[in-house]
PDB file of N, CA and C in Angstrom:
ATOM      1  N   MET A   1     244.728 144.728 120.705  1.00  0.00           N
ATOM      2  CA  MET A   1     246.226 144.896 120.404  1.00  0.00           C
ATOM      3  C   MET A   1     246.684 143.422 119.796  1.00  0.00           C
ATOM      4  N   ALA A   2     247.481 142.995 118.432  1.00  0.00           N
ATOM      5  CA  ALA A   2     247.228 141.463 118.081  1.00  0.00           C
ATOM      6  C   ALA A   2     248.547 141.299 119.255  1.00  0.00           C
ATOM      7  N   SER A   3     248.134 140.064 118.757  1.00  0.00           N
ATOM      8  CA  SER A   3     249.043 138.192 120.112  1.00  0.00           C
ATOM      9  C   SER A   3     250.151 138.772 118.917  1.00  0.00           C
ATOM     10  N   THR A   4     251.275 138.293 120.285  1.00  0.00           N
ATOM     11  CA  THR A   4     252.827 138.498 119.168  1.00  0.00           C
ATOM     12  C   THR A   4     252.612 137.053 118.135  1.00  0.00           C
ATOM     13  N   THR A   5     252.192 136.033 117.725  1.00  0.00           N
ATOM     14  CA  THR A   5     251.700 134.973 116.630  1.00  0.00           C
ATOM     15  C   THR A   5     251.725 135.367 115.688  1.00  0.00           C
ATOM     16  N   VAL A   6     250.415 136.532 115.826  1.00  0.00           N
ATOM     17  CA  VAL A   6     249.617 137.392 115.076  1.00  0.00           C
ATOM     18  C   VAL A   6     251.025 137.536 114.350  1.00  0.00           C
ATOM     19  N   ASN A   7     251.537 138.547 115.625  1.00  0.00           N
ATOM     20  CA  ASN A   7     252.667 139.349 114.362  1.00  0.00           C
ATOM     21  C   ASN A   7     253.439 138.584 113.817  1.00  0.00           C
ATOM     22  N   VAL A   8     254.457 137.716 114.881  1.00  0.00           N
ATOM     23  CA  VAL A   8     254.823 136.661 113.626  1.00  0.00           C
ATOM     24  C   VAL A   8     254.960 136.428 112.609  1.00  0.00           C
ATOM     25  N   VAL A   9     253.203 135.648 112.376  1.00  0.00           N
ATOM     26  CA  VAL A   9     252.976 135.195 111.117  1.00  0.00           C
ATOM     27  C   VAL A   9     253.522 136.059 110.640  1.00  0.00           C
ATOM     28  N   ARG A  10     252.574 137.828 110.929  1.00  0.00           N
ATOM     29  CA  ARG A  10     252.670 139.337 109.445  1.00  0.00           C
ATOM     30  C   ARG A  10     254.524 138.825 109.200  1.00  0.00           C
ATOM     31  N   TYR A  11     254.872 139.252 109.773  1.00  0.00           N
ATOM     32  CA  TYR A  11     256.403 139.951 109.389  1.00  0.00           C
ATOM     33  C   TYR A  11     257.387 138.471 109.186  1.00  0.00           C
ATOM     34  N   THR A  12     256.565 137.521 109.224  1.00  0.00           N
ATOM     35  CA  THR A  12     257.532 136.076 108.308  1.00  0.00           C
ATOM     36  C   THR A  12     256.973 135.659 106.862  1.00  0.00           C
ATOM     37  N   ALA A  13     255.260 136.404 106.841  1.00  0.00           N
ATOM     38  CA  ALA A  13     254.750 136.843 105.682  1.00  0.00           C
ATOM     39  C   ALA A  13     255.799 137.635 104.470  1.00  0.00           C
ATOM     40  N   LEU A  14     255.745 138.837 105.127  1.00  0.00           N
ATOM     41  CA  LEU A  14     256.421 139.939 104.339  1.00  0.00           C
ATOM     42  C   LEU A  14     257.236 139.614 104.389  1.00  0.00           C
ATOM     43  N   LEU A  15     258.246 139.652 104.423  1.00  0.00           N
ATOM     44  CA  LEU A  15     260.124 138.363 105.130  1.00  0.00           C
ATOM     45  C   LEU A  15     259.995 138.171 103.383  1.00  0.00           C
ATOM     46  N   GLY A  16     258.837 136.220 103.892  1.00  0.00           N
ATOM     47  CA  GLY A  16     258.944 135.380 102.414  1.00  0.00           C
ATOM     48  C   GLY A  16     258.643 136.081 101.452  1.00  0.00           C
ATOM     49  N   GLY A  17     256.802 137.501 101.170  1.00  0.00           N
ATOM     50  CA  GLY A  17     257.074 137.533 100.338  1.00  0.00           C
ATOM     51  C   GLY A  17     258.536 138.408  99.082  1.00  0.00           C
ATOM     52  N   VAL A  18     258.879 138.687 100.502  1.00  0.00           N
ATOM     53  CA  VAL A  18     260.433 140.055  99.587  1.00  0.00           C
ATOM     54  C   VAL A  18     261.587 138.967  98.919  1.00  0.00           C
ATOM     55  N   PHE A  19     262.016 138.025 100.113  1.00  0.00           N
ATOM     56  CA  PHE A  19     263.357 137.149  98.507  1.00  0.00           C
ATOM     57  C   PHE A  19     262.282 135.619  97.946  1.00  0.00           C
ATOM     58  N   TYR A  20     260.959 136.119  98.142  1.00  0.00           N
ATOM     59  CA  TYR A  20     260.639 135.326  96.788  1.00  0.00           C
ATOM     60  C   TYR A  20     260.282 136.511  96.274  1.00  0.00           C
ATOM     61  N   GLY A  21     259.735 137.711  96.024  1.00  0.00           N
ATOM     62  CA  GLY A  21     259.746 138.988  94.704  1.00  0.00           C
ATOM     63  C   GLY A  21     261.545 138.795  94.532  1.00  0.00           C
ATOM     64  N   ILE A  22     262.574 139.586  95.332  1.00  0.00           N
ATOM     65  CA  ILE A  22     264.195 139.400  95.277  1.00  0.00           C
ATOM     66  C   ILE A  22     264.232 137.152  94.160  1.00  0.00           C
ATOM     67  N   ALA A  23     263.838 136.394  94.282  1.00  0.00           N
ATOM     68  CA  ALA A  23     264.084 135.621  93.617  1.00  0.00           C
ATOM     69  C   ALA A  23     263.278 135.842  92.352  1.00  0.00           C
ATOM     70  N   HIS A  24     262.292 135.815  92.222  1.00  0.00           N
ATOM     71  CA  HIS A  24     261.644 135.502  91.135  1.00  0.00           C
ATOM     72  C   HIS A  24     262.709 136.531  91.030  1.00  0.00           C
ATOM     73  N   ARG A  25     262.411 137.795  91.063  1.00  0.00           N
ATOM     74  CA  ARG A  25     262.733 139.158  89.250  1.00  0.00           C
ATOM     75  C   ARG A  25     264.507 138.333  89.013  1.00  0.00           C
ATOM     76  N   ARG A  26     265.435 138.187  90.004  1.00  0.00           N
ATOM     77  CA  ARG A  26     266.663 137.431  89.334  1.00  0.00           C
ATOM     78  C   ARG A  26     266.042 136.469  88.123  1.00  0.00           C
ATOM     79  N   SER A  27     264.988 135.154  88.382  1.00  0.00           N
ATOM     80  CA  SER A  27     264.933 133.799  87.510  1.00  0.00           C
ATOM     81  C   SER A  27     264.502 135.378  86.430  1.00  0.00           C
ATOM     82  N   LEU A  28     263.158 135.663  86.641  1.00  0.00           N
ATOM     83  CA  LEU A  28     262.949 136.610  85.081  1.00  0.00           C
ATOM     84  C   LEU A  28     264.564 137.611  84.548  1.00  0.00           C
ATOM     85  N   GLN A  29     265.101 137.974  85.909  1.00  0.00           N
ATOM     86  CA  GLN A  29     266.222 139.129  85.196  1.00  0.00           C
ATOM     87  C   GLN A  29     267.003 137.834  84.268  1.00  0.00           C
ATOM     88  N   LYS A  30     267.300 136.878  84.499  1.00  0.00           N
ATOM     89  CA  LYS A  30     267.984 135.128  83.628  1.00  0.00           C
ATOM     90  C   LYS A  30     267.276 135.329  82.877  1.00  0.00           C
ATOM     91  N   ALA A  31     266.528 135.930  82.370  1.00  0.00           N
ATOM     92  CA  ALA A  31     265.732 134.810  81.429  1.00  0.00           C
ATOM     93  C   ALA A  31     265.779 135.236  79.884  1.00  0.00           C
ATOM     94  N   HIS A  32     265.321 136.922  80.804  1.00  0.00           N
ATOM     95  CA  HIS A  32     265.927 138.083  79.400  1.00  0.00           C
ATOM     96  C   HIS A  32     266.770 137.808  79.370  1.00  0.00           C
ATOM     97  N   ASP A  33     268.056 137.942  80.146  1.00  0.00           N
ATOM     98  CA  ASP A  33     269.615 138.730  79.729  1.00  0.00           C
ATOM     99  C   ASP A  33     269.602 137.037  78.917  1.00  0.00           C
ATOM    100  N   ALA A  34     269.365 135.373  78.530  1.00  0.00           N
ATOM    101  CA  ALA A  34     269.969 134.747  77.921  1.00  0.00           C
ATOM    102  C   ALA A  34     268.756 134.810  76.965  1.00  0.00           C
ATOM    103  N   ASP A  35     267.514 135.161  76.739  1.00  0.00           N
ATOM    104  CA  ASP A  35     267.015 136.328  75.204  1.00  0.00           C
ATOM    105  C   ASP A  35     267.475 136.766  74.164  1.00  0.00           C
ATOM    106  N   VAL A  36     267.740 138.785  75.314  1.00  0.00           N
ATOM    107  CA  VAL A  36     268.672 138.690  74.860  1.00  0.00           C
ATOM    108  C   VAL A  36     270.276 138.415  73.726  1.00  0.00           C
ATOM    109  N   LYS A  37     271.190 138.020  74.571  1.00  0.00           N
ATOM    110  CA  LYS A  37     272.231 137.405  74.105  1.00  0.00           C
ATOM    111  C   LYS A  37     272.289 136.142  72.949  1.00  0.00           C
ATOM    112  N   SER A  38     270.594 135.288  73.098  1.00  0.00           N
ATOM    113  CA  SER A  38     269.867 134.814  71.893  1.00  0.00           C
ATOM    114  C   SER A  38     269.872 134.940  70.896  1.00  0.00           C
ATOM    115  N   HIS A  39     268.828 136.977  70.843  1.00  0.00           N
ATOM    116  CA  HIS A  39     269.060 137.529  69.488  1.00  0.00           C
ATOM    117  C   HIS A  39     270.527 137.766  68.496  1.00  0.00           C
ATOM    118  N   ALA A  40     270.947 138.675  69.998  1.00  0.00           N
ATOM    119  CA  ALA A  40     271.995 139.589  69.448  1.00  0.00           C
ATOM    120  C   ALA A  40     272.770 138.070  68.330  1.00  0.00           C
ATOM    121  N   ILE A  41     273.273 137.127  69.023  1.00  0.00           N
ATOM    122  CA  ILE A  41     273.952 135.290  67.880  1.00  0.00           C
ATOM    123  C   ILE A  41     273.670 135.636  66.687  1.00  0.00           C
ATOM    124  N   HIS A  42     271.738 135.550  66.766  1.00  0.00           N
ATOM    125  CA  HIS A  42     270.815 135.827  65.539  1.00  0.00           C
ATOM    126  C   HIS A  42     271.439 136.919  64.651  1.00  0.00           C
ATOM    127  N   GLU A  43     271.334 137.408  64.725  1.00  0.00           N
ATOM    128  CA  GLU A  43     270.885 138.771  64.867  1.00  0.00           C
ATOM    129  C   GLU A  43     272.707 139.496  63.772  1.00  0.00           C
ATOM    130  N   ARG A  44     273.535 138.995  64.568  1.00  0.00           N
ATOM    131  CA  ARG A  44     275.034 138.891  63.341  1.00  0.00           C
ATOM    132  C   ARG A  44     274.850 137.645  63.272  1.00  0.00           C
ATOM    133  N   GLU A  45     274.591 135.807  62.817  1.00  0.00           N
ATOM    134  CA  GLU A  45     274.368 136.044  62.311  1.00  0.00           C
ATOM    135  C   GLU A  45     274.530 135.802  60.436  1.00  0.00           C
ATOM    136  N   HIS A  46     272.530 136.581  61.311  1.00  0.00           N
ATOM    137  CA  HIS A  46     272.496 137.582  59.874  1.00  0.00           C
ATOM    138  C   HIS A  46     272.486 137.857  58.720  1.00  0.00           C
ATOM    139  N   LEU A  47     273.355 139.007  59.870  1.00  0.00           N
ATOM    140  CA  LEU A  47     274.745 140.541  59.095  1.00  0.00           C
ATOM    141  C   LEU A  47     275.339 139.458  58.394  1.00  0.00           C
ATOM    142  N   ILE A  48     276.407 138.165  59.109  1.00  0.00           N
ATOM    143  CA  ILE A  48     277.085 137.050  58.516  1.00  0.00           C
ATOM    144  C   ILE A  48     277.437 136.975  57.207  1.00  0.00           C
ATOM    145  N   ALA A  49     275.759 136.159  56.968  1.00  0.00           N
ATOM    146  CA  ALA A  49     274.840 135.810  55.939  1.00  0.00           C
ATOM    147  C   ALA A  49     274.874 136.193  54.986  1.00  0.00           C
ATOM    148  N   GLU A  50     273.803 137.594  54.841  1.00  0.00           N
ATOM    149  CA  GLU A  50     273.813 139.399  53.970  1.00  0.00           C
ATOM    150  C   GLU A  50     275.017 139.019  52.750  1.00  0.00           C
ATOM    151  N   ALA A  51     276.054 139.264  54.961  1.00  0.00           N
ATOM    152  CA  ALA A  51     277.588 140.373  53.561  1.00  0.00           C
ATOM    153  C   ALA A  51     278.733 139.172  52.536  1.00  0.00           C
ATOM    154  N   LYS A  52     277.598 137.644  52.996  1.00  0.00           N
ATOM    155  CA  LYS A  52     278.610 136.999  52.082  1.00  0.00           C
ATOM    156  C   LYS A  52     278.069 136.524  51.013  1.00  0.00           C
ATOM    157  N   GLU A  53     276.365 136.945  51.296  1.00  0.00           N
ATOM    158  CA  GLU A  53     275.934 136.855  49.852  1.00  0.00           C
ATOM    159  C   GLU A  53     276.085 138.197  48.985  1.00  0.00           C
ATOM    160  N   ALA A  54     276.027 139.505  49.604  1.00  0.00           N
ATOM    161  CA  ALA A  54     277.075 140.550  49.254  1.00  0.00           C
ATOM    162  C   ALA A  54     277.904 140.689  48.099  1.00  0.00           C
ATOM    163  N   TRP A  55     278.918 139.591  48.791  1.00  0.00           N
ATOM    164  CA  TRP A  55     280.598 139.463  48.711  1.00  0.00           C
ATOM    165  C   TRP A  55     280.012 138.311  47.485  1.00  0.00           C
ATOM    166  N   LYS A  56     279.712 137.765  47.130  1.00  0.00           N
ATOM    167  CA  LYS A  56     278.931 136.533  46.371  1.00  0.00           C
ATOM    168  C   LYS A  56     279.195 137.361  45.478  1.00  0.00           C
ATOM    169  N   LYS A  57     278.270 137.699  45.488  1.00  0.00           N
ATOM    170  CA  LYS A  57     277.145 138.963  44.089  1.00  0.00           C
ATOM    171  C   LYS A  57     278.006 139.965  44.085  1.00  0.00           C
ATOM    172  N   LYS A  58     279.002 140.978  44.454  1.00  0.00           N
ATOM    173  CA  LYS A  58     280.513 141.494  43.462  1.00  0.00           C
ATOM    174  C   LYS A  58     281.356 140.452  43.543  1.00  0.00           C
ATOM    175  N   GLN A  59     281.354 138.826  43.819  1.00  0.00           N
ATOM    176  CA  GLN A  59     282.969 138.938  43.579  1.00  0.00           C
ATOM    177  C   GLN A  59     282.575 137.601  41.895  1.00  0.00           C
ATOM    178  N   GLU A  60     280.378 137.740  41.803  1.00  0.00           N
ATOM    179  CA  GLU A  60     280.622 137.298  40.424  1.00  0.00           C
ATOM    180  C   GLU A  60     279.814 138.302  39.542  1.00  0.00           C
ATOM    181  N   SER A  61     279.990 139.277  39.819  1.00  0.00           N
ATOM    182  CA  SER A  61     280.292 140.611  38.408  1.00  0.00           C
ATOM    183  C   SER A  61     281.087 141.362  38.823  1.00  0.00           C
ATOM    184  N   PRO A  62     282.123 141.132  38.401  1.00  0.00           N
ATOM    185  CA  PRO A  62     283.537 142.235  38.788  1.00  0.00           C
ATOM    186  C   PRO A  62     283.358 143.697  37.702  1.00  0.00           C
ATOM    187  N   LYS A  63     283.782 144.806  38.297  1.00  0.00           N
ATOM    188  CA  LYS A  63     284.102 145.973  37.167  1.00  0.00           C
ATOM    189  C   LYS A  63     285.019 145.666  35.808  1.00  0.00           C
ATOM    190  N   GLY A  64     284.468 145.537  34.724  1.00  0.00           N
ATOM    191  CA  GLY A  64     285.489 146.590  33.846  1.00  0.00           C
ATOM    192  C   GLY A  64     286.120 144.562  33.489  1.00  0.00           C
ATOM    193  N   GLY A  65     285.152 143.533  33.253  1.00  0.00           N
ATOM    194  CA  GLY A  65     285.132 142.749  32.959  1.00  0.00           C
ATOM    195  C   GLY A  65     286.734 141.968  33.566  1.00  0.00           C
ATOM    196  N   VAL A  66     286.750 142.432  35.547  1.00  0.00           N
ATOM    197  CA  VAL A  66     288.618 141.517  34.959  1.00  0.00           C
ATOM    198  C   VAL A  66     287.803 141.644  36.591  1.00  0.00           C
ATOM    199  N   ILE A  67     288.194 139.431  36.359  1.00  0.00           N
ATOM    200  CA  ILE A  67     287.570 138.592  37.981  1.00  0.00           C
ATOM    201  C   ILE A  67     289.448 139.064  38.817  1.00  0.00           C
ATOM    202  N   THR A  68     289.036 138.955  40.197  1.00  0.00           N
ATOM    203  CA  THR A  68     289.190 139.965  41.479  1.00  0.00           C
ATOM    204  C   THR A  68     289.783 138.237  41.699  1.00  0.00           C
ATOM    205  N   ASN A  69     288.799 137.543  42.039  1.00  0.00           N
ATOM    206  CA  ASN A  69     288.341 135.918  42.418  1.00  0.00           C
ATOM    207  C   ASN A  69     289.577 134.917  42.578  1.00  0.00           C
ATOM    208  N   PRO A  70     291.264 134.336  43.584  1.00  0.00           N
ATOM    209  CA  PRO A  70     292.276 134.379  42.450  1.00  0.00           C
ATOM    210  C   PRO A  70     292.330 132.649  41.787  1.00  0.00           C
ATOM    211  N   GLU A  71     290.781 132.046  43.151  1.00  0.00           N
ATOM    212  CA  GLU A  71     290.403 130.837  42.992  1.00  0.00           C
ATOM    213  C   GLU A  71     289.901 130.101  41.446  1.00  0.00           C
ATOM    214  N   ASP A  72     289.073 131.690  41.447  1.00  0.00           N
ATOM    215  CA  ASP A  72     288.175 131.227  39.733  1.00  0.00           C
ATOM    216  C   ASP A  72     288.961 130.906  38.559  1.00  0.00           C
ATOM    217  N   PRO A  73     288.105 129.645  37.736  1.00  0.00           N
ATOM    218  CA  PRO A  73     289.124 128.956  36.460  1.00  0.00           C
ATOM    219  C   PRO A  73     290.062 130.211  35.545  1.00  0.00           C
ATOM    220  N   GLN A  74     289.379 131.339  35.233  1.00  0.00           N
ATOM    221  CA  GLN A  74     289.651 132.582  34.163  1.00  0.00           C
ATOM    222  C   GLN A  74     290.420 133.684  35.135  1.00  0.00           C
ATOM    223  N   PHE A  75     290.326 133.034  35.979  1.00  0.00           N
ATOM    224  CA  PHE A  75     291.837 134.755  36.880  1.00  0.00           C
ATOM    225  C   PHE A  75     292.736 134.534  36.008  1.00  0.00           C
ATOM    226  N   ASP A  76     292.988 135.883  35.424  1.00  0.00           N
ATOM    227  CA  ASP A  76     294.525 136.308  34.945  1.00  0.00           C
ATOM    228  C   ASP A  76     294.745 137.617  35.261  1.00  0.00           C
ATOM    229  N   LEU A  77     296.310 137.382  36.177  1.00  0.00           N
ATOM    230  CA  LEU A  77     296.063 138.463  36.941  1.00  0.00           C
ATOM    231  C   LEU A  77     297.393 139.052  36.024  1.00  0.00           C
ATOM    232  N   GLU A  78     297.198 139.455  35.092  1.00  0.00           N
ATOM    233  CA  GLU A  78     298.217 140.250  33.927  1.00  0.00           C
ATOM    234  C   GLU A  78     297.230 141.150  33.934  1.00  0.00           C
ATOM    235  N   LYS A  79     296.048 140.981  34.119  1.00  0.00           N
ATOM    236  CA  LYS A  79     294.442 141.849  34.029  1.00  0.00           C
ATOM    237  C   LYS A  79     294.104 142.064  34.949  1.00  0.00           C
ATOM    238  N   LEU A  80     294.627 141.995  35.985  1.00  0.00           N
ATOM    239  CA  LEU A  80     293.738 142.928  37.270  1.00  0.00           C
ATOM    240  C   LEU A  80     294.899 143.943  38.162  1.00  0.00           C
ATOM    241  N   ILE A  81     296.400 142.720  37.169  1.00  0.00           N
ATOM    242  CA  ILE A  81     297.049 144.004  37.670  1.00  0.00           C
ATOM    243  C   ILE A  81     297.452 145.761  36.302  1.00  0.00           C
ATOM    244  N   ALA A  82     297.056 144.707  35.504  1.00  0.00           N
ATOM    245  CA  ALA A  82     296.794 145.659  34.518  1.00  0.00           C
ATOM    246  C   ALA A  82     295.756 147.411  34.627  1.00  0.00           C
ATOM    247  N   LYS A  83     294.484 146.771  35.512  1.00  0.00           N
ATOM    248  CA  LYS A  83     293.575 147.013  35.714  1.00  0.00           C
ATOM    249  C   LYS A  83     293.586 148.148  37.250  1.00  0.00           C
ATOM    250  N   TRP A  84     294.645 147.148  38.027  1.00  0.00           N
ATOM    251  CA  TRP A  84     295.699 147.730  38.570  1.00  0.00           C
ATOM    252  C   TRP A  84     296.259 149.407  38.801  1.00  0.00           C
ATOM    253  N   GLU A  85     296.642 149.147  37.978  1.00  0.00           N
ATOM    254  CA  GLU A  85     297.483 150.751  37.392  1.00  0.00           C
ATOM    255  C   GLU A  85     297.114 151.323  37.058  1.00  0.00           C
ATOM    256  N   ALA A  86     296.161 151.077  35.748  1.00  0.00           N
ATOM    257  CA  ALA A  86     295.416 152.004  35.347  1.00  0.00           C
ATOM    258  C   ALA A  86     294.374 152.921  36.607  1.00  0.00           C
ATOM    259  N   ASP A  87     293.877 152.276  37.494  1.00  0.00           N
ATOM    260  CA  ASP A  87     293.495 152.197  38.112  1.00  0.00           C
ATOM    261  C   ASP A  87     293.558 153.803  39.051  1.00  0.00           C
ATOM    262  N   SER A  88     295.359 153.503  39.376  1.00  0.00           N
ATOM    263  CA  SER A  88     296.110 153.946  40.370  1.00  0.00           C
ATOM    264  C   SER A  88     296.192 155.238  39.502  1.00  0.00           C
ATOM    265  N   LYS A  89     296.809 155.980  38.315  1.00  0.00           N
ATOM    266  CA  LYS A  89     296.099 156.113  37.218  1.00  0.00           C
ATOM    267  C   LYS A  89     295.525 158.347  37.692  1.00  0.00           C
TER     268      LYS A  89
END
């Protein structure tokens, strides 16, 4: 039979390994969660940039020759209202 000193060393090593495993798992999980969050943020930024680009293209090529951007120097409110009236009929 093993001596008490050997048993104490064995169980101490076992418990130390278990606690190390728990701590290591938590650090890995924390790093993974940070990577997932960073990826989600970058994906949202990419989607926002694509949406802005699509909106700019839509504003640059107006349908029916009517400019809908009020900040454009060639914007004509009367033409826009006339187009809305024609579309609603």
